[in-house]
Every structure is written in C-alpha cells, then in structure tokens.
C-alpha cells in the first residue's frame, strides 16, 4: 500500500487576480516528475460575467517546481477554449510520458448541457506547447488517463462511463476496443456509493 504524507499545510498554488483567466480558482491539476522538476498542469477559471456562479471559462495553466511545494508559473494559459468542443474550456488534465512524448488526457466541456463533455487528448514534447489530437470518446465521459507505458504493445486507458471505472486498449490512440468495467461504486459505502473515477494516472509498483 502507498502511504501519503502531507508536505504543506498551506495551498501551493493560489488564484491570481492580476491574471483574469485564473482569477477565480486553480485546482484539479496533473503533476509529473521529469528531468529533476515537478511539472504541474492545472485547471483555472476566470471571473464569470454574472459573478462566481455564472458561466465561467476553464483554461489550463503550467507551473514548475524544484521541491513540489514552491512553484513558478507562466503568465498565459497553455490550453484555452479555442475549439468547438471546448467552448467552456479544457478541464481536469492527466499527464503521462511514454517514450519522449507527453500525453495529456483532459475533459473538453462545450457547455450546451451539463453532460456536454468529452474526453480529449493532446501531446507535447516539452509540457508547454501542446498539439490537440481531438476527441477520444464521443460520448459523455471524463476522468481519463493513459497508463504511463504500453502493455503488450497497446496503449491502455482508464475512463469513467458513469458510474464505473472502465479500462480500454488501443494500438494507435484512434481506435479503441475491449472496454471493460474494472471497478464499481459500493452501494453500502457512505462515501463511494454514487460514482467513482480515477484520481490520476496509475503508478507502477512491484506488487500486484
């Protein structure tokens, strides 16, 4: 079992009022350790025209740290709401590195309805400049990530068709097959009875 230890009693990243695109909230980040640095890609929201409860826009920002606590960030987002499926913005990134390429799965929220969200994919060589690869599953779906390495020559993806966690395989990240449920909510639980999803990419350990 992996044990976690809280390293800071204070937030490690706060909204910045001087940056309108991240003035309301920063949250739901992806983090990856590469080349001696902790790289964070985080979801940020602007100030909605109608106030906090109005139709805010999401964007993804980038921050980097040597110790995982003290971060420096870019002044501009690395991914914005400039494609149709992401009219309300990209959300909730998960990043892995396979070979020399970073793969980021995230939720593209169009906003025509509460269920108008899709799993999307982008790739990068440096974690700052990203190329969108489009919608991965054209259905209401989120909480997706690739495994950090191929298995039997296939890309492996976890995703959430509500209310369960699913696994799927692909040879080229275009065609997916063999979708299976691997975990369901627990009806008798007081905290995981409704729906469940992954918190981040899988971590490989020596134990099964």
Protein backbone atom coordinates (compact mmCIF):
# COMPACT_ATOMS: atom_id res chain seq x y z
CA UNK A 1 0.00 0.00 0.00
CA UNK A 2 1.22 3.51 -0.84
CA UNK A 3 1.30 5.89 2.12
CA UNK A 4 0.94 9.62 1.54
CA UNK A 5 2.36 12.39 3.71
CA UNK A 6 1.14 15.99 3.60
CA UNK A 7 4.15 18.26 2.97
CA UNK A 8 2.46 21.62 3.35
CA UNK A 9 -0.38 22.95 5.48
CA UNK A 10 -0.90 25.82 3.05
CA UNK A 11 -2.04 25.86 -0.59
CA UNK A 12 0.86 25.51 -3.03
CA UNK A 13 -0.93 27.48 -5.76
CA UNK A 14 -3.46 30.29 -5.48
CA UNK A 15 -5.60 32.21 -8.00
CA UNK A 16 -4.03 35.40 -9.32
CA UNK A 17 -6.38 38.36 -9.59
CA UNK A 18 -3.96 40.09 -11.95
CA UNK A 19 -4.38 37.19 -14.41
CA UNK A 20 -8.07 37.34 -15.46
CA UNK A 21 -8.01 33.80 -16.86
CA UNK A 22 -7.08 32.31 -13.44
CA UNK A 23 -8.60 34.90 -11.12
CA UNK A 24 -11.30 32.74 -9.50
CA UNK A 25 -9.83 29.28 -8.87
CA UNK A 26 -6.90 26.94 -9.59
CA UNK A 27 -7.48 23.23 -8.97
CA UNK A 28 -7.69 19.66 -10.34
CA UNK A 29 -4.11 19.56 -11.54
CA UNK A 30 -1.91 16.99 -13.23
CA UNK A 31 1.64 16.61 -11.92
CA UNK A 32 4.58 14.74 -13.39
CA UNK A 33 8.21 14.50 -12.29
CA UNK A 34 10.59 14.83 -15.23
CA UNK A 35 14.20 15.93 -15.60
CA UNK A 36 14.54 16.76 -11.91
CA UNK A 37 11.48 19.02 -11.77
CA UNK A 38 7.84 18.74 -10.75
CA UNK A 39 5.67 19.95 -13.62
CA UNK A 40 2.08 20.93 -12.84
CA UNK A 41 -0.70 21.48 -15.35
CA UNK A 42 -3.70 22.91 -13.58
CA UNK A 43 -7.28 23.87 -14.30
CA UNK A 44 -8.03 27.56 -13.87
CA UNK A 45 -11.27 29.53 -14.02
CA UNK A 46 -11.85 33.16 -14.82
CA UNK A 47 -14.34 35.55 -13.25
CA UNK A 48 -17.76 34.86 -14.75
CA UNK A 49 -19.70 37.84 -16.14
CA UNK A 50 -22.51 37.13 -13.67
CA UNK A 51 -20.18 36.60 -10.74
CA UNK A 52 -18.81 33.39 -9.29
CA UNK A 53 -21.89 31.32 -10.16
CA UNK A 54 -22.07 32.49 -13.76
CA UNK A 55 -20.81 30.77 -16.94
CA UNK A 56 -17.09 30.85 -16.23
CA UNK A 57 -14.45 29.62 -18.70
CA UNK A 58 -11.80 27.00 -17.92
CA UNK A 59 -8.22 27.07 -19.15
CA UNK A 60 -5.10 25.04 -18.37
CA UNK A 61 -2.04 26.69 -16.83
CA UNK A 62 1.54 25.48 -16.31
CA UNK A 63 3.70 25.72 -13.19
CA UNK A 64 7.06 24.15 -12.30
CA UNK A 65 8.88 23.44 -9.04
CA UNK A 66 12.15 22.01 -7.77
CA UNK A 67 10.66 20.75 -4.49
CA UNK A 68 6.98 20.19 -5.30
CA UNK A 69 5.88 22.97 -2.93
CA UNK A 70 7.20 26.26 -4.29
CA UNK A 71 6.02 26.79 -7.87
CA UNK A 72 6.71 29.30 -10.63
CA UNK A 73 4.06 29.64 -13.32
CA UNK A 74 3.53 31.03 -16.78
CA UNK A 75 1.51 34.20 -17.15
CA UNK A 76 -0.60 32.82 -20.01
CA UNK A 77 -2.54 29.54 -20.28
CA UNK A 78 -1.09 26.66 -22.26
CA UNK A 79 -4.53 25.49 -23.45
CA UNK A 80 -7.62 27.69 -23.87
CA UNK A 81 -11.23 27.40 -25.03
CA UNK A 82 -10.46 27.93 -28.71
CA UNK A 83 -12.05 24.81 -30.25
CA UNK A 84 -15.75 23.95 -30.53
CA UNK A 85 -15.88 21.05 -28.07
CA UNK A 86 -14.04 23.18 -25.51
CA UNK A 87 -16.17 26.31 -25.72
CA UNK A 88 -16.33 26.37 -21.92
CA UNK A 89 -12.75 25.21 -21.73
CA UNK A 90 -10.48 22.23 -21.06
CA UNK A 91 -10.72 20.64 -17.62
CA UNK A 92 -9.07 18.13 -15.30
CA UNK A 93 -5.83 17.08 -17.05
CA UNK A 94 -3.91 13.83 -16.52
CA UNK A 95 -0.40 13.58 -17.96
CA UNK A 96 1.93 10.64 -18.63
CA UNK A 97 5.18 10.32 -20.56
CA UNK A 98 5.63 7.44 -22.99
CA UNK A 99 8.97 7.47 -24.80
CA UNK A 100 9.85 11.10 -25.45
CA UNK A 101 6.24 12.29 -25.73
CA UNK A 102 3.89 13.61 -23.06
CA UNK A 103 0.25 12.56 -23.41
CA UNK A 104 -2.44 14.62 -21.72
CA UNK A 105 -6.00 13.41 -21.44
CA UNK A 106 -8.47 16.02 -20.29
CA UNK A 107 -12.16 16.87 -20.36
CA UNK A 108 -13.40 19.15 -23.11
CA UNK A 109 -16.53 20.94 -21.89
CA UNK A 110 -18.71 22.55 -24.54
CA UNK A 111 -21.42 23.70 -22.16
CA UNK A 112 -24.62 23.20 -24.16
CA UNK A 113 -25.83 20.93 -21.35
CA UNK A 114 -24.49 19.51 -18.10
CA UNK A 115 -23.49 16.30 -19.93
CA UNK A 116 -21.81 18.08 -22.84
CA UNK A 117 -18.28 16.93 -22.01
CA UNK A 118 -15.89 14.61 -23.84
CA UNK A 119 -12.50 13.00 -23.22
CA UNK A 120 -9.87 14.77 -25.32
CA UNK A 121 -6.17 14.14 -25.98
CA UNK A 122 -3.19 16.42 -26.55
CA UNK A 123 0.52 15.65 -26.97
CA UNK A 124 3.69 17.60 -26.27
CA UNK A 125 7.47 17.28 -26.23
CA UNK A 126 8.05 19.94 -23.55
CA UNK A 127 4.82 20.18 -21.46
CA UNK A 128 4.21 23.76 -22.60
CA UNK A 129 3.48 23.53 -26.33
CA UNK A 130 0.58 21.15 -26.90
CA UNK A 131 -0.96 19.70 -30.05
CA UNK A 132 -4.60 18.70 -29.78
CA UNK A 133 -5.35 15.20 -31.07
CA UNK A 134 -9.11 15.61 -30.79
CA UNK A 135 -11.92 13.78 -29.03
CA UNK A 136 -11.05 10.31 -27.77
CA UNK A 137 -14.54 9.02 -26.96
CA UNK A 138 -17.52 10.83 -28.47
CA UNK A 139 -19.82 10.32 -25.50
CA UNK A 140 -20.36 11.97 -22.10
CA UNK A 141 -17.22 10.75 -20.34
CA UNK A 142 -14.38 12.08 -18.20
CA UNK A 143 -11.77 11.12 -15.56
CA UNK A 144 -9.50 9.53 -18.18
CA UNK A 145 -5.79 8.76 -18.24
CA UNK A 146 -3.35 6.58 -20.10
CA UNK A 147 -1.10 4.13 -18.32
CA UNK A 148 2.50 5.51 -18.23
CA UNK A 149 3.72 2.71 -20.50
CA UNK A 150 2.33 0.41 -23.15
CA UNK A 151 1.20 -3.08 -22.18
CA UNK A 152 1.70 -5.84 -24.76
CA UNK A 153 2.30 -3.12 -27.35
CA UNK A 154 -1.02 -1.38 -26.64
CA UNK A 155 -1.91 1.96 -25.12
CA UNK A 156 -4.11 1.39 -22.08
CA UNK A 157 -6.68 3.93 -20.92
CA UNK A 158 -8.82 4.26 -17.82
CA UNK A 159 -12.03 6.26 -18.12
CA UNK A 160 -15.41 6.73 -16.48
CA UNK A 161 -18.67 5.81 -18.06
CA UNK A 162 -20.79 6.73 -15.09
CA UNK A 163 -20.87 5.41 -12.53
CA UNK A 164 -17.97 2.96 -13.02
CA UNK A 165 -14.25 2.94 -13.81
CA UNK A 166 -13.52 1.32 -17.19
CA UNK A 167 -10.39 0.11 -18.96
CA UNK A 168 -9.81 0.17 -22.74
CA UNK A 169 -6.97 -0.70 -25.12
CA UNK A 170 -5.73 0.88 -28.36
CA UNK A 171 -2.92 0.27 -30.82
CA UNK A 172 -2.89 3.81 -32.23
CA UNK A 173 -4.93 6.03 -29.84
CA UNK A 174 -7.59 6.32 -32.54
CA UNK A 175 -9.46 3.02 -32.46
CA UNK A 176 -10.35 1.64 -29.04
CA UNK A 177 -11.70 -1.74 -28.19
CA UNK A 178 -12.35 -4.22 -25.40
CA UNK A 179 -13.90 -1.75 -22.95
CA UNK A 180 -14.41 -3.42 -19.57
CA UNK A 181 -15.57 -2.31 -16.15
CA UNK A 182 -12.84 -2.82 -13.55
CA UNK A 183 -14.40 -1.10 -10.53
CA UNK A 184 -17.91 -0.15 -9.45
CA UNK A 185 -19.29 2.06 -6.68
CA UNK A 186 -20.07 0.37 -3.38
CA UNK A 187 -23.79 0.69 -2.61
CA UNK A 188 -23.27 0.19 1.13
CA UNK A 189 -20.47 2.75 1.41
CA UNK A 190 -21.10 6.16 2.91
CA UNK A 191 -18.61 7.91 0.58
CA UNK A 192 -18.29 5.92 -2.69
CA UNK A 193 -21.82 4.76 -3.40
CA UNK A 194 -22.80 7.15 -6.22
CA UNK A 195 -20.00 7.21 -8.80
CA UNK A 196 -16.22 6.71 -8.84
CA UNK A 197 -13.35 7.84 -11.06
CA UNK A 198 -9.57 7.74 -11.06
CA UNK A 199 -7.65 10.46 -9.21
CA UNK A 200 -4.63 10.38 -11.52
CA UNK A 201 -2.56 8.14 -13.78
CA UNK A 202 -1.75 4.65 -12.48
CA UNK A 203 1.52 4.25 -10.56
CA UNK A 204 3.56 1.15 -11.33
CA UNK A 205 4.71 -0.79 -8.28
CA UNK A 206 6.47 -4.11 -7.72
CA UNK A 207 3.38 -5.51 -6.05
CA UNK A 208 0.27 -6.80 -7.75
